[in-house]
Amino acid sequence: MAYMKFEKIDTDYLITLTAERPTPRESQWGVQQEYSITYDSKPYSLTASPGLHKQLSLYGAGSSLNVRKESFGEGKTKFVVVSRGQSSDTLSTPQVSMSSDARTHDIHKQVCLKLAVGLLNREDNSTLSGGELVVIEANMKSLLLVLEGKSEEKADGKTEAKSDEDLPF
């Protein structure tokens, strides 16, 4: 079987995975992952770099993928793998590593941080002082508690409901 190399930069390679999982192969660089694919209706073997393997491992046999080697920075490249939506396997949809609740919490935290920084009403872009950072953090946490409808735990272990009247500003 011929070996596939993605030599051209910024070029789309339309491939299909033909095996459910890659085959680990020992090499002088350690264990590498070898994929069985078809490209232009011909069978190939593909040894994946760690970055490419991370993306390809989200898919299984029958997954039709677009693999693109993109350049960024000086002499650096990365792989971008996108499903072409024609798959017969159960792994064809990449699994999201972060739960919906964690993602929502992260978005809320970012919004609250932006609001807390905006509350300082600073007109210059100088470095924030330690005291200002403490105020920003307190405001951000308070906004987050109100936004997510949670209560705040006090030092004595008791909880206290947060409302708009409890905000420090």
C-alpha atoms as a PDB file:
ATOM      1  CA  MET A   1       0.000   0.000   0.000  1.00  0.00           C
ATOM      2  CA  ALA A   2       1.313   3.448  -0.889  1.00  0.00           C
ATOM      3  CA  TYR A   3       1.992   6.057   1.790  1.00  0.00           C
ATOM      4  CA  MET A   4       0.074   9.341   1.735  1.00  0.00           C
ATOM      5  CA  LYS A   5       1.856  12.626   2.438  1.00  0.00           C
ATOM      6  CA  PHE A   6       0.242  16.015   2.612  1.00  0.00           C
ATOM      7  CA  GLU A   7       3.032  17.899   0.892  1.00  0.00           C
ATOM      8  CA  LYS A   8       1.170  20.880  -0.549  1.00  0.00           C
ATOM      9  CA  ILE A   9       0.307  23.677   1.840  1.00  0.00           C
ATOM     10  CA  ASP A  10      -3.137  25.298   1.726  1.00  0.00           C
ATOM     11  CA  THR A  11      -4.499  22.436  -0.378  1.00  0.00           C
ATOM     12  CA  ASP A  12      -7.600  20.364   0.355  1.00  0.00           C
ATOM     13  CA  TYR A  13      -7.161  16.599   0.483  1.00  0.00           C
ATOM     14  CA  LEU A  14     -10.489  14.761   0.379  1.00  0.00           C
ATOM     15  CA  ILE A  15      -9.971  11.415   2.128  1.00  0.00           C
ATOM     16  CA  THR A  16     -12.090   8.608   3.569  1.00  0.00           C
ATOM     17  CA  LEU A  17     -11.045   6.575   6.588  1.00  0.00           C
ATOM     18  CA  THR A  18     -11.256   2.856   5.800  1.00  0.00           C
ATOM     19  CA  ALA A  19     -10.552   1.442   9.267  1.00  0.00           C
ATOM     20  CA  GLU A  20     -12.352   2.133  12.528  1.00  0.00           C
ATOM     21  CA  ARG A  21      -9.142   2.928  14.393  1.00  0.00           C
ATOM     22  CA  PRO A  22      -5.497   3.623  13.524  1.00  0.00           C
ATOM     23  CA  THR A  23      -2.811   0.985  13.910  1.00  0.00           C
ATOM     24  CA  PRO A  24      -0.025   1.873  16.353  1.00  0.00           C
ATOM     25  CA  ARG A  25       3.415   1.432  14.747  1.00  0.00           C
ATOM     26  CA  GLU A  26       6.776   1.520  16.496  1.00  0.00           C
ATOM     27  CA  SER A  27       9.280   3.795  14.782  1.00  0.00           C
ATOM     28  CA  GLN A  28      12.513   5.589  15.569  1.00  0.00           C
ATOM     29  CA  TRP A  29      10.358   8.475  16.860  1.00  0.00           C
ATOM     30  CA  GLY A  30       8.325   6.251  19.193  1.00  0.00           C
ATOM     31  CA  VAL A  31       4.829   4.905  18.656  1.00  0.00           C
ATOM     32  CA  GLN A  32       3.033   6.552  15.751  1.00  0.00           C
ATOM     33  CA  GLN A  33      -0.523   6.120  14.511  1.00  0.00           C
ATOM     34  CA  GLU A  34      -1.039   4.743  11.015  1.00  0.00           C
ATOM     35  CA  TYR A  35      -4.403   5.252   9.312  1.00  0.00           C
ATOM     36  CA  SER A  36      -5.850   3.356   6.357  1.00  0.00           C
ATOM     37  CA  ILE A  37      -7.489   5.794   3.967  1.00  0.00           C
ATOM     38  CA  THR A  38      -8.622   6.237   0.398  1.00  0.00           C
ATOM     39  CA  TYR A  39      -7.657   9.271  -1.630  1.00  0.00           C
ATOM     40  CA  ASP A  40      -8.724   9.674  -5.262  1.00  0.00           C
ATOM     41  CA  SER A  41     -10.349   6.214  -4.975  1.00  0.00           C
ATOM     42  CA  LYS A  42      -6.960   4.614  -4.222  1.00  0.00           C
ATOM     43  CA  PRO A  43      -5.918   2.972  -0.921  1.00  0.00           C
ATOM     44  CA  TYR A  44      -3.189   4.654   1.099  1.00  0.00           C
ATOM     45  CA  SER A  45      -1.537   4.378   4.468  1.00  0.00           C
ATOM     46  CA  LEU A  46      -1.082   7.585   6.443  1.00  0.00           C
ATOM     47  CA  THR A  47       1.245   8.073   9.407  1.00  0.00           C
ATOM     48  CA  ALA A  48      -0.294  10.910  11.396  1.00  0.00           C
ATOM     49  CA  SER A  49       1.570  13.570  13.343  1.00  0.00           C
ATOM     50  CA  PRO A  50       0.303  14.006  16.926  1.00  0.00           C
ATOM     51  CA  GLY A  51      -1.797  17.021  15.903  1.00  0.00           C
ATOM     52  CA  LEU A  52      -3.325  15.271  12.921  1.00  0.00           C
ATOM     53  CA  HIS A  53      -3.918  12.092  14.948  1.00  0.00           C
ATOM     54  CA  LYS A  54      -5.772  14.096  17.608  1.00  0.00           C
ATOM     55  CA  GLN A  55      -8.209  15.310  14.965  1.00  0.00           C
ATOM     56  CA  LEU A  56      -8.517  12.074  12.960  1.00  0.00           C
ATOM     57  CA  SER A  57      -9.117  10.012  16.111  1.00  0.00           C
ATOM     58  CA  LEU A  58     -12.512  11.705  16.465  1.00  0.00           C
ATOM     59  CA  TYR A  59     -13.733   9.836  13.394  1.00  0.00           C
ATOM     60  CA  GLY A  60     -14.106   6.195  12.376  1.00  0.00           C
ATOM     61  CA  ALA A  61     -14.388   3.984   9.313  1.00  0.00           C
ATOM     62  CA  GLY A  62     -16.374   5.511   6.476  1.00  0.00           C
ATOM     63  CA  SER A  63     -15.808   9.097   7.562  1.00  0.00           C
ATOM     64  CA  SER A  64     -15.317  11.390   4.585  1.00  0.00           C
ATOM     65  CA  LEU A  65     -12.959  14.156   5.610  1.00  0.00           C
ATOM     66  CA  ASN A  66     -11.308  17.223   4.196  1.00  0.00           C
ATOM     67  CA  VAL A  67      -7.713  17.477   5.446  1.00  0.00           C
ATOM     68  CA  ARG A  68      -5.931  20.760   4.864  1.00  0.00           C
ATOM     69  CA  LYS A  69      -2.346  21.592   5.787  1.00  0.00           C
ATOM     70  CA  GLU A  70      -2.311  25.311   6.570  1.00  0.00           C
ATOM     71  CA  SER A  71       0.630  27.595   7.114  1.00  0.00           C
ATOM     72  CA  PHE A  72       0.877  30.000  10.017  1.00  0.00           C
ATOM     73  CA  GLY A  73       3.831  31.926  11.296  1.00  0.00           C
ATOM     74  CA  GLU A  74       7.287  31.493   9.840  1.00  0.00           C
ATOM     75  CA  GLY A  75       7.628  28.015   8.375  1.00  0.00           C
ATOM     76  CA  LYS A  76       4.980  26.522  10.670  1.00  0.00           C
ATOM     77  CA  THR A  77       2.059  24.385   9.534  1.00  0.00           C
ATOM     78  CA  LYS A  78      -0.975  22.814  11.140  1.00  0.00           C
ATOM     79  CA  PHE A  79      -3.645  20.393   9.993  1.00  0.00           C
ATOM     80  CA  VAL A  80      -7.325  21.261   9.882  1.00  0.00           C
ATOM     81  CA  VAL A  81      -9.710  18.306   9.545  1.00  0.00           C
ATOM     82  CA  VAL A  82     -13.372  18.869   8.671  1.00  0.00           C
ATOM     83  CA  SER A  83     -16.045  16.229   8.165  1.00  0.00           C
ATOM     84  CA  ARG A  84     -17.652  16.216   4.740  1.00  0.00           C
ATOM     85  CA  GLY A  85     -20.832  14.883   6.354  1.00  0.00           C
ATOM     86  CA  GLN A  86     -20.844  11.469   4.676  1.00  0.00           C
ATOM     87  CA  SER A  87     -20.175   8.936   7.376  1.00  0.00           C
ATOM     88  CA  SER A  88     -21.424   5.511   8.270  1.00  0.00           C
ATOM     89  CA  ASP A  89     -19.811   5.234  11.682  1.00  0.00           C
ATOM     90  CA  THR A  90     -20.835   6.225  15.159  1.00  0.00           C
ATOM     91  CA  LEU A  91     -17.708   8.293  15.811  1.00  0.00           C
ATOM     92  CA  SER A  92     -18.188  10.670  12.895  1.00  0.00           C
ATOM     93  CA  THR A  93     -19.331  13.550  15.067  1.00  0.00           C
ATOM     94  CA  PRO A  94     -16.459  14.932  17.139  1.00  0.00           C
ATOM     95  CA  GLN A  95     -17.080  14.617  20.859  1.00  0.00           C
ATOM     96  CA  VAL A  96     -17.127  17.904  22.766  1.00  0.00           C
ATOM     97  CA  SER A  97     -14.843  17.626  25.756  1.00  0.00           C
ATOM     98  CA  MET A  98     -16.577  20.335  27.766  1.00  0.00           C
ATOM     99  CA  SER A  99     -20.117  19.830  29.045  1.00  0.00           C
ATOM    100  CA  SER A 100     -22.838  22.288  28.151  1.00  0.00           C
ATOM    101  CA  ASP A 101     -22.992  23.525  31.749  1.00  0.00           C
ATOM    102  CA  ALA A 102     -19.222  24.092  31.929  1.00  0.00           C
ATOM    103  CA  ARG A 103     -19.262  25.925  28.601  1.00  0.00           C
ATOM    104  CA  THR A 104     -22.160  28.113  29.715  1.00  0.00           C
ATOM    105  CA  HIS A 105     -20.395  28.869  33.008  1.00  0.00           C
ATOM    106  CA  ASP A 106     -17.225  29.840  31.119  1.00  0.00           C
ATOM    107  CA  ILE A 107     -19.199  32.206  28.875  1.00  0.00           C
ATOM    108  CA  HIS A 108     -20.929  33.727  31.911  1.00  0.00           C
ATOM    109  CA  LYS A 109     -17.570  34.209  33.614  1.00  0.00           C
ATOM    110  CA  GLN A 110     -16.143  36.004  30.576  1.00  0.00           C
ATOM    111  CA  VAL A 111     -19.159  38.318  30.372  1.00  0.00           C
ATOM    112  CA  CYS A 112     -18.988  39.077  34.093  1.00  0.00           C
ATOM    113  CA  LEU A 113     -15.257  39.817  33.884  1.00  0.00           C
ATOM    114  CA  LYS A 114     -15.860  42.273  31.062  1.00  0.00           C
ATOM    115  CA  LEU A 115     -18.621  43.985  33.025  1.00  0.00           C
ATOM    116  CA  ALA A 116     -16.491  44.099  36.188  1.00  0.00           C
ATOM    117  CA  VAL A 117     -13.591  45.733  34.322  1.00  0.00           C
ATOM    118  CA  GLY A 118     -16.020  48.217  32.771  1.00  0.00           C
ATOM    119  CA  LEU A 119     -17.229  49.230  36.234  1.00  0.00           C
ATOM    120  CA  LEU A 120     -13.842  50.794  36.999  1.00  0.00           C
ATOM    121  CA  ASN A 121     -14.568  53.620  34.534  1.00  0.00           C
ATOM    122  CA  ARG A 122     -10.889  54.011  33.672  1.00  0.00           C
ATOM    123  CA  GLU A 123      -9.968  56.139  30.718  1.00  0.00           C
ATOM    124  CA  ASP A 124      -6.291  55.204  30.487  1.00  0.00           C
ATOM    125  CA  ASN A 125      -4.830  51.860  29.530  1.00  0.00           C
ATOM    126  CA  SER A 126      -2.216  51.733  32.272  1.00  0.00           C
ATOM    127  CA  THR A 127      -1.525  48.579  34.262  1.00  0.00           C
ATOM    128  CA  LEU A 128      -4.120  47.736  36.878  1.00  0.00           C
ATOM    129  CA  SER A 129      -3.082  47.977  40.505  1.00  0.00           C
ATOM    130  CA  GLY A 130      -3.399  45.065  42.922  1.00  0.00           C
ATOM    131  CA  GLY A 131      -6.308  46.769  44.661  1.00  0.00           C
ATOM    132  CA  GLU A 132      -8.134  47.256  41.370  1.00  0.00           C
ATOM    133  CA  LEU A 133      -7.639  43.574  40.520  1.00  0.00           C
ATOM    134  CA  VAL A 134      -9.180  42.569  43.863  1.00  0.00           C
ATOM    135  CA  VAL A 135     -12.180  44.826  43.181  1.00  0.00           C
ATOM    136  CA  ILE A 136     -12.561  43.428  39.661  1.00  0.00           C
ATOM    137  CA  GLU A 137     -12.442  39.853  40.961  1.00  0.00           C
ATOM    138  CA  ALA A 138     -14.995  40.546  43.707  1.00  0.00           C
ATOM    139  CA  ASN A 139     -17.343  42.278  41.279  1.00  0.00           C
ATOM    140  CA  MET A 140     -16.937  39.510  38.703  1.00  0.00           C
ATOM    141  CA  LYS A 141     -17.739  36.804  41.264  1.00  0.00           C
ATOM    142  CA  SER A 142     -20.746  38.728  42.560  1.00  0.00           C
ATOM    143  CA  LEU A 143     -22.091  39.259  39.055  1.00  0.00           C
ATOM    144  CA  LEU A 144     -21.545  35.590  38.271  1.00  0.00           C
ATOM    145  CA  LEU A 145     -23.477  34.521  41.377  1.00  0.00           C
ATOM    146  CA  VAL A 146     -26.407  36.764  40.419  1.00  0.00           C
ATOM    147  CA  LEU A 147     -26.330  35.694  36.761  1.00  0.00           C
ATOM    148  CA  GLU A 148     -26.315  31.990  37.592  1.00  0.00           C
ATOM    149  CA  GLY A 149     -28.786  32.376  40.478  1.00  0.00           C
ATOM    150  CA  LYS A 150     -26.489  30.772  43.021  1.00  0.00           C
ATOM    151  CA  SER A 151     -25.885  31.567  46.654  1.00  0.00           C
ATOM    152  CA  GLU A 152     -22.587  32.625  48.185  1.00  0.00           C
ATOM    153  CA  GLU A 153     -20.915  30.474  50.834  1.00  0.00           C
ATOM    154  CA  LYS A 154     -19.653  32.433  53.820  1.00  0.00           C
ATOM    155  CA  ALA A 155     -16.555  31.641  55.876  1.00  0.00           C
ATOM    156  CA  ASP A 156     -18.707  29.959  58.564  1.00  0.00           C
ATOM    157  CA  GLY A 157     -20.045  27.476  55.979  1.00  0.00           C
ATOM    158  CA  LYS A 158     -23.518  29.033  55.788  1.00  0.00           C
ATOM    159  CA  THR A 159     -24.916  30.183  52.475  1.00  0.00           C
ATOM    160  CA  GLU A 160     -26.491  33.491  51.733  1.00  0.00           C
ATOM    161  CA  ALA A 161     -28.686  34.220  48.736  1.00  0.00           C
ATOM    162  CA  LYS A 162     -27.374  36.886  46.395  1.00  0.00           C
ATOM    163  CA  SER A 163     -29.620  39.571  44.995  1.00  0.00           C
ATOM    164  CA  ASP A 164     -29.071  42.879  43.251  1.00  0.00           C
ATOM    165  CA  GLU A 165     -29.039  44.647  46.654  1.00  0.00           C
ATOM    166  CA  ASP A 166     -26.041  42.522  47.738  1.00  0.00           C
ATOM    167  CA  LEU A 167     -23.760  43.706  44.946  1.00  0.00           C
ATOM    168  CA  PRO A 168     -20.779  45.786  46.094  1.00  0.00           C
ATOM    169  CA  PHE A 169     -21.355  48.598  43.584  1.00  0.00           C
END
